[in-house]
């Protein structure tokens, strides 16, 4: 009985160590994805501002004043 309890305890400890390792690995992946997501958000914001600027320039270039306003 004591041997079986010891064996079960050893198995539980091994499983716990394995799960702790998996949690650490998953945490590292989540942190990496969070950093990537933040970088991608900044890139999208920068590209959005650039596209808005280009669109404004295009509109202004195509929006000429009538001759009597010049």
N, C-alpha and C. Protein backbone atom coordinates (compact mmCIF):
# COMPACT_ATOMS: atom_id res chain seq x y z
N UNK A 1 0.82 -1.19 0.00
CA UNK A 1 0.00 0.00 0.00
C UNK A 1 0.87 1.26 0.00
N UNK A 2 1.90 1.25 0.84
CA UNK A 2 2.80 2.41 0.89
C UNK A 2 3.54 2.58 -0.43
N UNK A 3 3.91 1.46 -1.07
CA UNK A 3 4.59 1.53 -2.36
C UNK A 3 3.67 2.12 -3.44
N UNK A 4 2.42 1.72 -3.39
CA UNK A 4 1.47 2.25 -4.38
C UNK A 4 1.25 3.74 -4.15
N UNK A 5 1.12 4.16 -2.90
CA UNK A 5 0.96 5.59 -2.61
C UNK A 5 2.19 6.37 -3.06
N UNK A 6 3.36 5.80 -2.83
CA UNK A 6 4.59 6.45 -3.26
C UNK A 6 4.63 6.56 -4.79
N UNK A 7 4.25 5.48 -5.46
CA UNK A 7 4.23 5.47 -6.93
C UNK A 7 3.23 6.50 -7.46
N UNK A 8 2.06 6.54 -6.87
CA UNK A 8 1.04 7.51 -7.29
C UNK A 8 1.50 8.93 -7.04
N UNK A 9 2.14 9.14 -5.89
CA UNK A 9 2.66 10.46 -5.56
C UNK A 9 3.74 10.88 -6.56
N UNK A 10 4.64 9.96 -6.90
CA UNK A 10 5.68 10.25 -7.89
C UNK A 10 5.08 10.58 -9.25
N UNK A 11 4.05 9.82 -9.63
CA UNK A 11 3.38 10.07 -10.91
C UNK A 11 2.70 11.43 -10.92
N UNK A 12 2.05 11.79 -9.82
CA UNK A 12 1.41 13.09 -9.72
C UNK A 12 2.43 14.22 -9.80
N UNK A 13 3.56 14.06 -9.11
CA UNK A 13 4.62 15.07 -9.14
C UNK A 13 5.18 15.23 -10.55
N UNK A 14 5.36 14.11 -11.25
CA UNK A 14 5.86 14.16 -12.63
C UNK A 14 4.86 14.86 -13.54
N UNK A 15 3.58 14.52 -13.38
CA UNK A 15 2.55 15.18 -14.19
C UNK A 15 2.48 16.67 -13.89
N UNK A 16 2.59 17.03 -12.63
CA UNK A 16 2.57 18.44 -12.25
C UNK A 16 3.75 19.18 -12.84
N UNK A 17 4.93 18.58 -12.79
CA UNK A 17 6.12 19.22 -13.38
C UNK A 17 5.93 19.41 -14.88
N UNK A 18 5.36 18.41 -15.54
CA UNK A 18 5.11 18.50 -16.97
C UNK A 18 4.12 19.63 -17.27
N UNK A 19 3.05 19.70 -16.50
CA UNK A 19 2.04 20.75 -16.70
C UNK A 19 2.63 22.14 -16.44
N UNK A 20 3.45 22.27 -15.42
CA UNK A 20 4.09 23.55 -15.14
C UNK A 20 4.96 23.98 -16.32
N UNK A 21 5.68 23.02 -16.89
CA UNK A 21 6.52 23.32 -18.05
C UNK A 21 5.67 23.77 -19.23
N UNK A 22 4.55 23.10 -19.46
CA UNK A 22 3.66 23.48 -20.55
C UNK A 22 3.09 24.87 -20.34
N UNK A 23 2.72 25.19 -19.11
CA UNK A 23 2.18 26.51 -18.81
C UNK A 23 3.23 27.58 -19.08
N UNK A 24 4.47 27.32 -18.71
CA UNK A 24 5.55 28.28 -18.98
C UNK A 24 5.74 28.48 -20.48
N UNK A 25 5.69 27.40 -21.24
CA UNK A 25 5.83 27.50 -22.69
C UNK A 25 4.66 28.28 -23.30
N UNK A 26 3.46 27.98 -22.86
CA UNK A 26 2.28 28.69 -23.38
C UNK A 26 2.33 30.16 -23.01
N UNK A 27 2.80 30.46 -21.81
CA UNK A 27 2.91 31.84 -21.39
C UNK A 27 3.89 32.60 -22.29
N UNK A 28 5.01 31.96 -22.62
CA UNK A 28 5.98 32.59 -23.52
C UNK A 28 5.37 32.85 -24.89
N UNK A 29 4.56 31.91 -25.38
CA UNK A 29 3.90 32.10 -26.67
C UNK A 29 2.91 33.26 -26.60
N UNK A 30 2.14 33.32 -25.55
CA UNK A 30 1.14 34.38 -25.40
C UNK A 30 1.83 35.75 -25.31
N UNK A 31 2.92 35.83 -24.57
CA UNK A 31 3.66 37.08 -24.47
C UNK A 31 4.19 37.49 -25.83
N UNK A 32 4.75 36.53 -26.57
CA UNK A 32 5.24 36.83 -27.92
C UNK A 32 4.14 37.30 -28.84
N UNK A 33 2.99 36.67 -28.77
CA UNK A 33 1.87 37.08 -29.61
C UNK A 33 1.36 38.46 -29.22
N UNK A 34 1.39 38.76 -27.93
CA UNK A 34 0.97 40.09 -27.48
C UNK A 34 1.89 41.17 -28.04
N UNK A 35 3.19 40.90 -28.01
CA UNK A 35 4.15 41.88 -28.57
C UNK A 35 3.95 42.04 -30.07
N UNK A 36 3.75 40.93 -30.77
CA UNK A 36 3.51 40.98 -32.20
C UNK A 36 2.23 41.74 -32.51
N UNK A 37 1.19 41.51 -31.74
CA UNK A 37 -0.07 42.20 -31.94
C UNK A 37 0.09 43.70 -31.76
N UNK A 38 0.81 44.12 -30.75
CA UNK A 38 1.04 45.56 -30.53
C UNK A 38 1.82 46.17 -31.70
N UNK A 39 2.84 45.45 -32.19
CA UNK A 39 3.62 45.96 -33.31
C UNK A 39 2.74 46.07 -34.56
N UNK A 40 1.91 45.07 -34.79
CA UNK A 40 1.02 45.10 -35.95
C UNK A 40 -0.01 46.22 -35.84
N UNK A 41 -0.51 46.46 -34.64
CA UNK A 41 -1.46 47.57 -34.44
C UNK A 41 -0.80 48.90 -34.80
N UNK A 42 0.44 49.09 -34.35
CA UNK A 42 1.16 50.33 -34.66
C UNK A 42 1.39 50.47 -36.16
N UNK A 43 1.74 49.35 -36.82
CA UNK A 43 1.94 49.38 -38.26
C UNK A 43 0.65 49.75 -38.98
N UNK A 44 -0.47 49.18 -38.56
CA UNK A 44 -1.75 49.48 -39.20
C UNK A 44 -2.12 50.95 -38.98
N UNK A 45 -1.89 51.46 -37.77
CA UNK A 45 -2.19 52.87 -37.50
C UNK A 45 -1.33 53.78 -38.37
N UNK A 46 -0.05 53.44 -38.51
CA UNK A 46 0.85 54.24 -39.33
C UNK A 46 0.42 54.20 -40.79
N UNK A 47 0.06 53.03 -41.28
CA UNK A 47 -0.38 52.91 -42.66
C UNK A 47 -1.71 53.60 -42.89
N UNK A 48 -2.59 53.57 -41.90
CA UNK A 48 -3.87 54.27 -42.01
C UNK A 48 -3.65 55.76 -42.13
N UNK A 49 -2.76 56.31 -41.29
CA UNK A 49 -2.47 57.74 -41.37
C UNK A 49 -1.87 58.10 -42.73
N UNK A 50 -0.98 57.25 -43.24
CA UNK A 50 -0.37 57.51 -44.54
C UNK A 50 -1.42 57.49 -45.65
N UNK A 51 -2.32 56.51 -45.60
CA UNK A 51 -3.38 56.42 -46.61
C UNK A 51 -4.32 57.63 -46.52
N UNK A 52 -4.63 58.07 -45.30
CA UNK A 52 -5.49 59.25 -45.15
C UNK A 52 -4.82 60.48 -45.74
N UNK A 53 -3.51 60.62 -45.50
CA UNK A 53 -2.78 61.76 -46.05
C UNK A 53 -2.79 61.72 -47.58
N UNK A 54 -2.54 60.55 -48.14
CA UNK A 54 -2.56 60.42 -49.60
C UNK A 54 -3.95 60.72 -50.16
N UNK A 55 -4.98 60.27 -49.47
CA UNK A 55 -6.35 60.52 -49.93
C UNK A 55 -6.67 62.01 -49.88
N UNK A 56 -6.25 62.67 -48.83
CA UNK A 56 -6.48 64.12 -48.72
C UNK A 56 -5.75 64.86 -49.82
N UNK A 57 -4.50 64.47 -50.08
CA UNK A 57 -3.74 65.10 -51.17
C UNK A 57 -4.41 64.87 -52.52
N UNK A 58 -4.91 63.66 -52.75
CA UNK A 58 -5.58 63.35 -54.01
C UNK A 58 -6.85 64.19 -54.16
N UNK A 59 -7.61 64.32 -53.10
CA UNK A 59 -8.85 65.11 -53.16
C UNK A 59 -8.52 66.57 -53.42
N UNK A 60 -7.51 67.09 -52.74
CA UNK A 60 -7.14 68.50 -52.94
C UNK A 60 -6.62 68.74 -54.35
N UNK A 61 -5.90 67.78 -54.91
CA UNK A 61 -5.37 67.94 -56.27
C UNK A 61 -6.50 67.91 -57.29
N UNK A 62 -7.55 67.16 -57.04
CA UNK A 62 -8.67 67.05 -57.98
C UNK A 62 -9.75 68.09 -57.74
N UNK A 63 -9.62 68.86 -56.69
CA UNK A 63 -10.64 69.83 -56.33
C UNK A 63 -10.14 71.24 -56.70
N UNK A 64 -10.15 71.53 -57.99
CA UNK A 64 -9.68 72.85 -58.44
C UNK A 64 -10.79 73.87 -58.30
N UNK A 65 -10.39 75.09 -58.02
CA UNK A 65 -11.36 76.18 -57.88
C UNK A 65 -11.82 76.62 -59.27
N UNK A 66 -13.07 77.02 -59.36
CA UNK A 66 -13.55 77.57 -60.64
C UNK A 66 -12.74 78.83 -61.01
N UNK A 67 -12.67 79.14 -62.31
CA UNK A 67 -11.84 80.28 -62.74
C UNK A 67 -12.22 81.60 -62.08
N UNK A 68 -13.48 81.85 -61.78
CA UNK A 68 -13.85 83.12 -61.20
C UNK A 68 -13.44 83.25 -59.73
N UNK A 69 -12.97 82.16 -59.07
CA UNK A 69 -12.50 82.23 -57.69
C UNK A 69 -10.99 82.40 -57.63
N UNK A 70 -10.31 82.33 -58.72
CA UNK A 70 -8.85 82.40 -58.68
C UNK A 70 -8.35 83.79 -58.86
